[in-house]
Protein backbone atom coordinates (compact mmCIF):
# COMPACT_ATOMS: atom_id res chain seq x y z
CA UNK A 1 0.00 0.00 0.00
CA UNK A 2 1.52 3.30 -1.06
CA UNK A 3 1.32 6.16 1.40
CA UNK A 4 -0.36 9.26 -0.07
CA UNK A 5 1.18 12.67 0.36
CA UNK A 6 -0.64 15.40 2.28
CA UNK A 7 -3.15 17.31 0.17
CA UNK A 8 -2.35 20.68 1.70
CA UNK A 9 0.86 22.54 2.37
CA UNK A 10 1.65 23.40 5.95
CA UNK A 11 1.73 27.03 6.98
CA UNK A 12 4.98 28.98 6.72
CA UNK A 13 5.24 28.92 10.51
CA UNK A 14 4.94 25.13 10.65
CA UNK A 15 7.35 24.76 7.72
CA UNK A 16 9.89 26.94 9.52
CA UNK A 17 9.54 24.80 12.65
CA UNK A 18 9.95 21.57 10.68
CA UNK A 19 13.07 22.85 8.95
CA UNK A 20 14.52 24.14 12.22
CA UNK A 21 14.11 20.67 13.72
CA UNK A 22 15.89 19.10 10.76
CA UNK A 23 18.70 21.65 11.04
CA UNK A 24 19.17 20.79 14.73
CA UNK A 25 18.93 17.06 14.06
CA UNK A 26 21.43 17.00 11.18
CA UNK A 27 23.79 19.91 11.87
CA UNK A 28 26.78 18.28 10.18
CA UNK A 29 25.03 16.67 7.21
CA UNK A 30 27.22 16.60 4.09
CA UNK A 31 27.30 14.66 0.84
CA UNK A 32 27.91 10.94 1.19
CA UNK A 33 29.84 10.87 -2.10
CA UNK A 34 33.60 10.53 -1.71
CA UNK A 35 35.61 13.08 -3.70
CA UNK A 36 38.74 15.21 -3.48
CA UNK A 37 38.29 17.62 -6.41
CA UNK A 38 35.35 19.26 -8.22
CA UNK A 39 36.09 16.95 -11.17
CA UNK A 40 35.73 13.85 -9.00
CA UNK A 41 32.50 15.19 -7.49
CA UNK A 42 31.02 15.95 -10.91
CA UNK A 43 31.75 12.45 -12.20
CA UNK A 44 30.49 10.84 -8.98
CA UNK A 45 27.20 12.74 -9.17
CA UNK A 46 26.66 11.69 -12.79
CA UNK A 47 27.29 8.07 -11.77
CA UNK A 48 24.91 8.34 -8.81
CA UNK A 49 21.81 8.63 -10.99
CA UNK A 50 19.56 5.70 -10.03
CA UNK A 51 22.40 4.27 -7.96
CA UNK A 52 23.29 4.51 -4.29
CA UNK A 53 26.11 6.75 -3.10
CA UNK A 54 27.62 3.73 -1.35
CA UNK A 55 27.86 1.86 -4.64
CA UNK A 56 29.35 4.89 -6.40
CA UNK A 57 31.97 5.17 -3.65
CA UNK A 58 32.97 1.58 -4.35
CA UNK A 59 33.47 2.35 -8.04
CA UNK A 60 35.17 5.73 -8.12
CA UNK A 61 38.52 4.82 -6.49
CA UNK A 62 39.29 2.47 -9.39
CA UNK A 63 37.93 4.91 -11.94
CA UNK A 64 39.98 7.85 -10.67
CA UNK A 65 43.09 5.73 -10.29
CA UNK A 66 42.87 4.99 -14.01
CA UNK A 67 41.60 8.43 -15.04
CA UNK A 68 42.60 11.02 -12.42
CA UNK A 69 41.52 14.15 -14.25
CA UNK A 70 39.40 15.44 -17.11
CA UNK A 71 42.20 15.19 -19.66
CA UNK A 72 42.77 11.50 -18.90
CA UNK A 73 39.07 10.63 -18.92
CA UNK A 74 38.54 12.55 -22.16
CA UNK A 75 40.97 10.17 -23.88
CA UNK A 76 39.56 7.02 -22.25
CA UNK A 77 38.47 3.94 -24.13
CA UNK A 78 34.74 3.63 -23.50
CA UNK A 79 34.84 -0.16 -23.09
CA UNK A 80 37.40 0.20 -20.29
CA UNK A 81 35.27 2.80 -18.51
CA UNK A 82 32.22 0.56 -18.92
CA UNK A 83 34.15 -2.30 -17.32
CA UNK A 84 35.07 -0.18 -14.30
CA UNK A 85 31.62 1.32 -13.68
CA UNK A 86 29.50 -1.65 -14.73
CA UNK A 87 28.03 -2.30 -11.28
CA UNK A 88 26.44 1.15 -10.98
CA UNK A 89 23.69 0.49 -13.53
CA UNK A 90 23.06 2.10 -16.92
CA UNK A 91 26.82 1.84 -17.26
CA UNK A 92 26.95 2.20 -21.04
CA UNK A 93 25.06 5.50 -21.01
CA UNK A 94 27.00 6.73 -17.99
CA UNK A 95 30.35 5.81 -19.55
CA UNK A 96 29.42 7.73 -22.68
CA UNK A 97 28.29 10.74 -20.64
CA UNK A 98 31.26 11.00 -18.31
CA UNK A 99 33.74 10.72 -21.18
CA UNK A 100 31.81 13.35 -23.14
CA UNK A 101 31.60 15.57 -20.04
CA UNK A 102 35.38 15.28 -19.59
CA UNK A 103 35.87 16.19 -23.24
CA UNK A 104 33.63 19.22 -22.71
CA UNK A 105 35.67 20.26 -19.67
CA UNK A 106 38.89 20.01 -21.66
CA UNK A 107 37.57 21.67 -24.79
CA UNK A 108 35.60 24.49 -23.16
CA UNK A 109 37.13 25.04 -19.72
CA UNK A 110 40.76 23.92 -19.88
CA UNK A 111 39.93 20.80 -17.89
CA UNK A 112 38.49 22.70 -14.92
CA UNK A 113 34.93 22.31 -13.64
CA UNK A 114 32.97 25.57 -14.03
CA UNK A 115 31.01 26.92 -11.09
CA UNK A 116 28.11 28.52 -12.97
CA UNK A 117 24.90 26.73 -13.82
CA UNK A 118 24.76 27.45 -17.56
CA UNK A 119 28.25 26.09 -18.18
CA UNK A 120 27.62 23.01 -16.04
CA UNK A 121 24.29 22.18 -17.67
CA UNK A 122 25.90 22.51 -21.10
CA UNK A 123 28.04 19.46 -20.31
CA UNK A 124 26.77 16.03 -21.47
CA UNK A 125 24.95 14.11 -18.76
CA UNK A 126 24.60 17.16 -16.50
CA UNK A 127 21.09 18.32 -15.65
CA UNK A 128 19.80 20.78 -13.10
CA UNK A 129 20.13 18.40 -10.14
CA UNK A 130 23.74 17.51 -10.93
CA UNK A 131 24.60 21.15 -11.50
CA UNK A 132 23.00 22.12 -8.18
CA UNK A 133 24.98 19.47 -6.30
CA UNK A 134 28.28 20.55 -7.83
CA UNK A 135 27.55 24.25 -7.27
CA UNK A 136 26.49 23.78 -3.66
CA UNK A 137 29.01 21.15 -2.55
CA UNK A 138 32.16 21.93 -4.55
CA UNK A 139 31.78 25.71 -4.73
CA UNK A 140 29.46 26.46 -1.76
CA UNK A 141 27.08 28.36 -4.00
CA UNK A 142 23.45 28.94 -3.06
CA UNK A 143 21.82 25.99 -4.82
CA UNK A 144 19.28 23.36 -3.78
CA UNK A 145 19.33 19.97 -5.48
CA UNK A 146 16.22 17.79 -5.54
CA UNK A 147 16.84 14.04 -5.62
CA UNK A 148 14.37 11.27 -4.77
CA UNK A 149 14.87 11.72 -1.01
CA UNK A 150 14.42 15.50 -1.11
CA UNK A 151 11.35 15.13 -3.33
CA UNK A 152 9.71 12.56 -1.04
CA UNK A 153 10.53 14.20 2.29
CA UNK A 154 9.56 17.70 1.14
CA UNK A 155 6.14 16.44 0.09
CA UNK A 156 5.61 14.33 3.21
CA UNK A 157 6.41 17.33 5.40
CA UNK A 158 3.88 19.42 3.51
CA UNK A 159 6.51 21.88 2.34
CA UNK A 160 5.26 21.53 -1.21
CA UNK A 161 2.52 19.98 -3.34
CA UNK A 162 4.66 20.16 -6.48
CA UNK A 163 4.89 17.09 -8.68
CA UNK A 164 8.18 17.97 -10.41
CA UNK A 165 11.71 18.41 -9.02
CA UNK A 166 11.82 22.03 -10.19
CA UNK A 167 8.51 22.74 -8.49
CA UNK A 168 9.80 21.25 -5.23
CA UNK A 169 13.00 23.28 -5.56
CA UNK A 170 11.08 26.52 -6.04
CA UNK A 171 8.73 25.87 -3.11
CA UNK A 172 11.40 24.82 -0.62
CA UNK A 173 13.86 27.58 -1.50
CA UNK A 174 11.05 30.05 -0.90
CA UNK A 175 10.92 28.79 2.70
CA UNK A 176 14.65 28.61 3.44
CA UNK A 177 17.06 31.54 3.70
CA UNK A 178 19.29 31.64 0.63
CA UNK A 179 22.45 31.07 2.66
CA UNK A 180 21.01 27.79 3.94
CA UNK A 181 19.83 26.30 0.63
CA UNK A 182 22.88 24.06 0.23
CA UNK A 183 22.54 22.83 3.82
CA UNK A 184 18.78 22.20 3.63
CA UNK A 185 19.40 19.84 0.73
CA UNK A 186 21.50 17.64 3.03
CA UNK A 187 19.06 17.84 5.97
CA UNK A 188 16.29 16.45 3.79
CA UNK A 189 18.45 13.77 2.18
CA UNK A 190 19.72 12.44 5.49
CA UNK A 191 16.24 12.50 7.01
CA UNK A 192 14.98 10.52 4.02
CA UNK A 193 17.70 7.94 4.40
CA UNK A 194 17.46 7.50 8.16
CA UNK A 195 13.83 8.15 9.10
CA UNK A 196 11.47 9.17 6.30
CA UNK A 197 12.15 6.07 4.25
CA UNK A 198 10.39 4.78 1.21
CA UNK A 199 8.00 3.08 1.20
CA UNK A 200 7.34 3.28 4.96
CA UNK A 201 8.65 6.09 7.18
CA UNK A 202 9.74 5.42 10.76
CA UNK A 203 7.37 7.93 12.32
CA UNK A 204 7.90 6.66 15.86
CA UNK A 205 11.54 7.78 15.63
CA UNK A 206 10.86 11.05 13.81
CA UNK A 207 11.66 14.30 15.66
CA UNK A 208 9.31 16.28 13.39
CA UNK A 209 6.21 15.53 15.46
CA UNK A 210 4.01 18.07 13.66
CA UNK A 211 4.55 16.38 10.29
CA UNK A 212 1.22 16.15 8.42
CA UNK A 213 2.10 12.70 7.13
CA UNK A 214 2.21 11.16 10.60
CA UNK A 215 -1.59 10.58 10.86
CA UNK A 216 -1.66 9.48 7.21
CA UNK A 217 0.97 6.82 7.89
CA UNK A 218 -0.92 5.65 11.00
CA UNK A 219 -4.17 5.38 9.05
CA UNK A 220 -2.49 3.43 6.26
CA UNK A 221 -1.00 1.03 8.81
CA UNK A 222 -4.44 0.37 10.31
CA UNK A 223 -5.95 -0.15 6.87
CA UNK A 224 -3.20 -2.62 6.03
CA UNK A 225 -3.87 -4.61 9.21
CA UNK A 226 -7.61 -4.60 8.51
CA UNK A 227 -7.07 -5.70 4.92
CA UNK A 228 -4.80 -8.53 6.03
CA UNK A 229 -7.35 -9.67 8.61
CA UNK A 230 -10.15 -9.56 6.02
CA UNK A 231 -8.06 -11.64 3.65
CA UNK A 232 -7.44 -14.24 6.33
CA UNK A 233 -11.15 -14.35 7.12
CA UNK A 234 -12.09 -14.91 3.47
CA UNK A 235 -9.61 -17.76 3.25
CA UNK A 236 -10.88 -19.28 6.50
CA UNK A 237 -7.56 -18.78 8.23
CA UNK A 238 -7.38 -17.97 11.95
CA UNK A 239 -6.57 -14.40 12.89
CA UNK A 240 -3.00 -13.79 13.89
CA UNK A 241 -2.56 -14.53 17.56
CA UNK A 242 -1.35 -11.83 19.88
CA UNK A 243 2.19 -12.44 21.18
CA UNK A 244 2.24 -14.35 24.47
CA UNK A 245 3.75 -12.66 27.46
CA UNK A 246 6.53 -14.44 29.23
CA UNK A 247 5.97 -15.05 32.91
CA UNK A 248 8.42 -13.40 35.19
CA UNK A 249 10.37 -15.87 37.30
């Protein structure tokens, strides 16, 4: 059973309280991707599409050992890159994109990663989310990236009703001071990974007690139990027995 999102946005006051709680809960949240240079971060973010950061971090040491900078990757044999990154999924497309992105860096920027959005998004395989991550993490620019965690958590908290990443970005950045955009991105990601999970959030552990999704999740849990009991009844199966208490000695 999928959990529906709230149908109304919370007030600005409630949104501010929710975000303040996340800021206090995750004060040191940073990207989980391992990198040492803007080039490494850019390539890691491209590889992270539909792949976990943990998996990307397993792949990139070998990739950067073989191709340590944009000039080296621009000259790479695609089949060798595919071999190295194969476990991250969509490896053929990703190999093509990261080589082309490296060629773009060499041809247009002398091998350096640009810090402005237009130049980043002009690179192959780089969309708005990737550009936002690179801008905010590598260059500490005011940017707010929307990945699957940010999208889900923002909607569950009632910060937005938007159905597109850009819509979520616009709504959330309207609630957060510009200087905190790059931090808010990480608050929401970490909360999505640790508490507000898909498909079922861990509401009992959530510090955001005013979250509008909390009663929705509780209702869905009750409906699931009722549906399971009804199914057992139709099949003539006994209802699940309550756990027996152990006697104290």
